[in-house]
Amino acid sequence: MSEWYRRSGDVLTLTLHVQPGAKRTDVAGLHGEALKIRLAAPPIEGRANEALLRFIAETFAVPLRQVELRQGGQSRHKVVAVSGSKVDPDTLAGL
């Protein structure tokens, strides 16, 4: 099992390192004990956080309302909770 996520019941808690202002939004692999995500959105007025939550919802095949930013609103290091996903986190980017 990877260090960047843990599952408790139907809730996945993800530890992420986010790089806003990238050319495109994608998973960039591991960054220490976090999953690195590049975001095309700029880190202005919460746009990067909104883009991150939409990307996570799409990636884990859940509605946006089932994705919650738990920590790191103003930081690159973020903790996000995803409820009800059937997607195995280890399948992301061949990890």
N, C-alpha and C. Protein backbone atom coordinates (compact mmCIF):
# COMPACT_ATOMS: atom_id res chain seq x y z
N MET A 1 0.83 -1.19 0.00
CA MET A 1 0.00 0.00 0.00
C MET A 1 0.88 1.25 0.00
N SER A 2 0.44 2.26 -0.71
CA SER A 2 1.19 3.50 -0.81
C SER A 2 0.98 4.37 0.43
N GLU A 3 1.93 5.27 0.64
CA GLU A 3 1.88 6.17 1.80
C GLU A 3 0.97 7.38 1.57
N TRP A 4 0.63 7.70 0.33
CA TRP A 4 -0.08 8.94 0.01
C TRP A 4 -1.59 8.86 0.18
N TYR A 5 -2.12 7.70 0.49
CA TYR A 5 -3.57 7.60 0.74
C TYR A 5 -3.84 6.55 1.81
N ARG A 6 -5.02 6.68 2.40
CA ARG A 6 -5.51 5.62 3.28
C ARG A 6 -7.02 5.54 3.13
N ARG A 7 -7.53 4.35 3.36
CA ARG A 7 -8.96 4.10 3.20
C ARG A 7 -9.54 3.77 4.58
N SER A 8 -10.66 4.41 4.90
CA SER A 8 -11.39 4.12 6.13
C SER A 8 -12.85 3.98 5.75
N GLY A 9 -13.34 2.74 5.70
CA GLY A 9 -14.69 2.50 5.21
C GLY A 9 -14.76 2.88 3.74
N ASP A 10 -15.70 3.75 3.37
CA ASP A 10 -15.80 4.16 1.96
C ASP A 10 -15.16 5.53 1.72
N VAL A 11 -14.35 6.00 2.69
CA VAL A 11 -13.68 7.30 2.54
C VAL A 11 -12.19 7.10 2.28
N LEU A 12 -11.72 7.69 1.19
CA LEU A 12 -10.30 7.71 0.86
C LEU A 12 -9.75 9.06 1.30
N THR A 13 -8.66 9.06 2.03
CA THR A 13 -7.99 10.30 2.41
C THR A 13 -6.69 10.37 1.63
N LEU A 14 -6.55 11.42 0.83
CA LEU A 14 -5.40 11.56 -0.07
C LEU A 14 -4.47 12.66 0.43
N THR A 15 -3.18 12.40 0.42
CA THR A 15 -2.17 13.42 0.71
C THR A 15 -1.58 13.84 -0.63
N LEU A 16 -1.71 15.13 -0.94
CA LEU A 16 -1.35 15.62 -2.26
C LEU A 16 -0.34 16.76 -2.18
N HIS A 17 0.52 16.82 -3.19
CA HIS A 17 1.41 17.97 -3.40
C HIS A 17 0.95 18.57 -4.72
N VAL A 18 0.47 19.81 -4.68
CA VAL A 18 -0.16 20.42 -5.85
C VAL A 18 0.74 21.51 -6.43
N GLN A 19 0.90 21.46 -7.75
CA GLN A 19 1.68 22.47 -8.47
C GLN A 19 0.72 23.23 -9.40
N PRO A 20 0.23 24.41 -8.96
CA PRO A 20 -0.66 25.18 -9.82
C PRO A 20 0.11 25.90 -10.92
N GLY A 21 -0.62 26.33 -11.94
CA GLY A 21 -0.01 27.09 -13.03
C GLY A 21 0.75 26.24 -14.03
N ALA A 22 0.49 24.94 -14.05
CA ALA A 22 1.18 24.04 -15.00
C ALA A 22 0.54 24.18 -16.39
N LYS A 23 1.19 23.59 -17.39
CA LYS A 23 0.66 23.64 -18.76
C LYS A 23 -0.64 22.85 -18.89
N ARG A 24 -0.72 21.72 -18.17
CA ARG A 24 -1.94 20.90 -18.22
C ARG A 24 -2.14 20.24 -16.86
N THR A 25 -3.36 19.79 -16.63
CA THR A 25 -3.68 19.13 -15.37
C THR A 25 -3.46 17.64 -15.52
N ASP A 26 -2.61 17.08 -14.65
CA ASP A 26 -2.38 15.64 -14.67
C ASP A 26 -1.70 15.19 -13.38
N VAL A 27 -1.61 13.86 -13.24
CA VAL A 27 -0.90 13.27 -12.11
C VAL A 27 0.56 13.16 -12.51
N ALA A 28 1.45 13.67 -11.64
CA ALA A 28 2.88 13.71 -11.98
C ALA A 28 3.70 12.66 -11.25
N GLY A 29 3.05 11.79 -10.48
CA GLY A 29 3.79 10.75 -9.76
C GLY A 29 3.90 11.08 -8.29
N LEU A 30 4.80 10.40 -7.62
CA LEU A 30 4.96 10.61 -6.19
C LEU A 30 5.94 11.73 -5.89
N HIS A 31 5.66 12.45 -4.81
CA HIS A 31 6.53 13.53 -4.32
C HIS A 31 6.68 13.27 -2.82
N GLY A 32 7.71 12.53 -2.45
CA GLY A 32 7.84 12.10 -1.05
C GLY A 32 6.71 11.16 -0.70
N GLU A 33 5.96 11.49 0.34
CA GLU A 33 4.81 10.65 0.74
C GLU A 33 3.50 11.25 0.28
N ALA A 34 3.55 12.03 -0.80
CA ALA A 34 2.34 12.64 -1.37
C ALA A 34 2.29 12.34 -2.86
N LEU A 35 1.08 12.38 -3.41
CA LEU A 35 0.89 12.26 -4.85
C LEU A 35 0.96 13.66 -5.43
N LYS A 36 1.84 13.87 -6.42
CA LYS A 36 1.99 15.19 -7.02
C LYS A 36 0.99 15.34 -8.16
N ILE A 37 0.27 16.46 -8.11
CA ILE A 37 -0.70 16.77 -9.16
C ILE A 37 -0.36 18.14 -9.73
N ARG A 38 -0.22 18.19 -11.05
CA ARG A 38 -0.02 19.47 -11.73
C ARG A 38 -1.40 19.99 -12.12
N LEU A 39 -1.62 21.29 -11.87
CA LEU A 39 -2.90 21.91 -12.22
C LEU A 39 -2.69 23.04 -13.21
N ALA A 40 -3.51 23.08 -14.25
CA ALA A 40 -3.42 24.16 -15.22
C ALA A 40 -3.95 25.47 -14.64
N ALA A 41 -4.77 25.41 -13.61
CA ALA A 41 -5.36 26.61 -13.02
C ALA A 41 -4.33 27.40 -12.22
N PRO A 42 -4.45 28.73 -12.23
CA PRO A 42 -3.54 29.56 -11.44
C PRO A 42 -3.94 29.56 -9.96
N PRO A 43 -2.98 29.84 -9.07
CA PRO A 43 -3.29 29.86 -7.64
C PRO A 43 -3.88 31.21 -7.21
N ILE A 44 -4.95 31.63 -7.88
CA ILE A 44 -5.56 32.94 -7.63
C ILE A 44 -7.02 32.75 -7.25
N GLU A 45 -7.42 33.38 -6.15
CA GLU A 45 -8.82 33.40 -5.71
C GLU A 45 -9.44 32.02 -5.62
N GLY A 46 -8.67 31.03 -5.17
CA GLY A 46 -9.22 29.69 -4.98
C GLY A 46 -9.43 28.88 -6.24
N ARG A 47 -9.01 29.41 -7.39
CA ARG A 47 -9.24 28.69 -8.65
C ARG A 47 -8.50 27.36 -8.70
N ALA A 48 -7.29 27.31 -8.15
CA ALA A 48 -6.54 26.05 -8.16
C ALA A 48 -7.23 25.02 -7.28
N ASN A 49 -7.74 25.42 -6.13
CA ASN A 49 -8.45 24.47 -5.26
C ASN A 49 -9.70 23.93 -5.94
N GLU A 50 -10.47 24.81 -6.60
CA GLU A 50 -11.67 24.37 -7.32
C GLU A 50 -11.29 23.38 -8.42
N ALA A 51 -10.24 23.70 -9.18
CA ALA A 51 -9.80 22.81 -10.26
C ALA A 51 -9.32 21.48 -9.70
N LEU A 52 -8.63 21.51 -8.56
CA LEU A 52 -8.15 20.28 -7.94
C LEU A 52 -9.33 19.39 -7.55
N LEU A 53 -10.33 19.95 -6.89
CA LEU A 53 -11.47 19.15 -6.45
C LEU A 53 -12.23 18.57 -7.64
N ARG A 54 -12.38 19.35 -8.72
CA ARG A 54 -13.02 18.81 -9.93
C ARG A 54 -12.20 17.67 -10.53
N PHE A 55 -10.87 17.85 -10.60
CA PHE A 55 -9.99 16.82 -11.15
C PHE A 55 -10.06 15.54 -10.30
N ILE A 56 -10.04 15.67 -8.99
CA ILE A 56 -10.12 14.51 -8.10
C ILE A 56 -11.46 13.80 -8.26
N ALA A 57 -12.55 14.57 -8.34
CA ALA A 57 -13.88 13.97 -8.53
C ALA A 57 -13.94 13.18 -9.83
N GLU A 58 -13.40 13.76 -10.90
CA GLU A 58 -13.38 13.08 -12.20
C GLU A 58 -12.50 11.83 -12.16
N THR A 59 -11.31 11.96 -11.58
CA THR A 59 -10.36 10.86 -11.51
C THR A 59 -10.90 9.68 -10.72
N PHE A 60 -11.59 9.98 -9.63
CA PHE A 60 -12.11 8.93 -8.75
C PHE A 60 -13.57 8.59 -9.04
N ALA A 61 -14.12 9.13 -10.14
CA ALA A 61 -15.46 8.80 -10.64
C ALA A 61 -16.54 8.99 -9.58
N VAL A 62 -16.51 10.16 -8.93
CA VAL A 62 -17.55 10.49 -7.95
C VAL A 62 -18.06 11.90 -8.25
N PRO A 63 -19.27 12.23 -7.77
CA PRO A 63 -19.76 13.60 -7.91
C PRO A 63 -18.89 14.57 -7.09
N LEU A 64 -18.83 15.81 -7.51
CA LEU A 64 -18.01 16.82 -6.83
C LEU A 64 -18.37 16.95 -5.36
N ARG A 65 -19.65 16.76 -5.02
CA ARG A 65 -20.08 16.90 -3.62
C ARG A 65 -19.47 15.84 -2.70
N GLN A 66 -18.87 14.78 -3.27
CA GLN A 66 -18.24 13.72 -2.47
C GLN A 66 -16.74 13.92 -2.30
N VAL A 67 -16.24 15.10 -2.69
CA VAL A 67 -14.82 15.43 -2.56
C VAL A 67 -14.72 16.65 -1.65
N GLU A 68 -13.87 16.56 -0.63
CA GLU A 68 -13.75 17.63 0.35
C GLU A 68 -12.28 17.95 0.63
N LEU A 69 -11.95 19.24 0.57
CA LEU A 69 -10.61 19.69 0.94
C LEU A 69 -10.57 19.79 2.46
N ARG A 70 -9.77 18.93 3.08
CA ARG A 70 -9.72 18.90 4.55
C ARG A 70 -8.62 19.77 5.13
N GLN A 71 -7.49 19.87 4.42
CA GLN A 71 -6.37 20.68 4.89
C GLN A 71 -5.64 21.28 3.69
N GLY A 72 -5.02 22.45 3.91
CA GLY A 72 -4.13 23.01 2.90
C GLY A 72 -4.75 23.98 1.93
N GLY A 73 -5.79 24.69 2.33
CA GLY A 73 -6.44 25.65 1.44
C GLY A 73 -5.48 26.67 0.83
N GLN A 74 -4.45 27.07 1.58
CA GLN A 74 -3.50 28.08 1.10
C GLN A 74 -2.11 27.49 0.87
N SER A 75 -2.01 26.17 0.81
CA SER A 75 -0.72 25.50 0.74
C SER A 75 -0.64 24.58 -0.47
N ARG A 76 0.57 24.21 -0.87
CA ARG A 76 0.74 23.20 -1.92
C ARG A 76 0.47 21.80 -1.37
N HIS A 77 0.68 21.64 -0.07
CA HIS A 77 0.45 20.35 0.58
C HIS A 77 -1.02 20.31 1.02
N LYS A 78 -1.78 19.36 0.49
CA LYS A 78 -3.22 19.31 0.74
C LYS A 78 -3.65 17.91 1.17
N VAL A 79 -4.71 17.86 1.94
CA VAL A 79 -5.35 16.60 2.30
C VAL A 79 -6.79 16.68 1.80
N VAL A 80 -7.17 15.70 0.99
CA VAL A 80 -8.49 15.67 0.37
C VAL A 80 -9.17 14.35 0.71
N ALA A 81 -10.46 14.41 1.05
CA ALA A 81 -11.24 13.21 1.34
C ALA A 81 -12.18 12.95 0.16
N VAL A 82 -12.26 11.68 -0.25
CA VAL A 82 -13.14 11.26 -1.34
C VAL A 82 -14.05 10.16 -0.79
N SER A 83 -15.36 10.36 -0.90
CA SER A 83 -16.32 9.37 -0.39
C SER A 83 -16.90 8.55 -1.53
N GLY A 84 -17.00 7.25 -1.32
CA GLY A 84 -17.75 6.38 -2.21
C GLY A 84 -17.09 6.02 -3.53
N SER A 85 -15.79 6.19 -3.67
CA SER A 85 -15.14 5.86 -4.94
C SER A 85 -14.80 4.37 -5.00
N LYS A 86 -14.97 3.79 -6.18
CA LYS A 86 -14.60 2.39 -6.40
C LYS A 86 -13.24 2.29 -7.10
N VAL A 87 -12.62 3.43 -7.41
CA VAL A 87 -11.35 3.47 -8.11
C VAL A 87 -10.22 3.12 -7.14
N ASP A 88 -9.33 2.23 -7.56
CA ASP A 88 -8.17 1.87 -6.76
C ASP A 88 -7.09 2.94 -6.94
N PRO A 89 -6.72 3.65 -5.88
CA PRO A 89 -5.72 4.73 -6.03
C PRO A 89 -4.39 4.25 -6.60
N ASP A 90 -4.02 3.01 -6.38
CA ASP A 90 -2.75 2.50 -6.90
C ASP A 90 -2.71 2.41 -8.42
N THR A 91 -3.85 2.52 -9.09
CA THR A 91 -3.88 2.47 -10.56
C THR A 91 -3.57 3.82 -11.19
N LEU A 92 -3.49 4.88 -10.40
CA LEU A 92 -3.22 6.21 -10.95
C LEU A 92 -1.78 6.29 -11.45
N ALA A 93 -1.64 6.68 -12.67
CA ALA A 93 -0.32 6.91 -13.28
C ALA A 93 0.63 5.74 -13.11
N GLY A 94 0.10 4.55 -13.08
CA GLY A 94 0.94 3.36 -12.99
C GLY A 94 1.70 3.21 -11.68
N LEU A 95 1.19 3.80 -10.62
CA LEU A 95 1.88 3.72 -9.32
C LEU A 95 1.68 2.38 -8.68
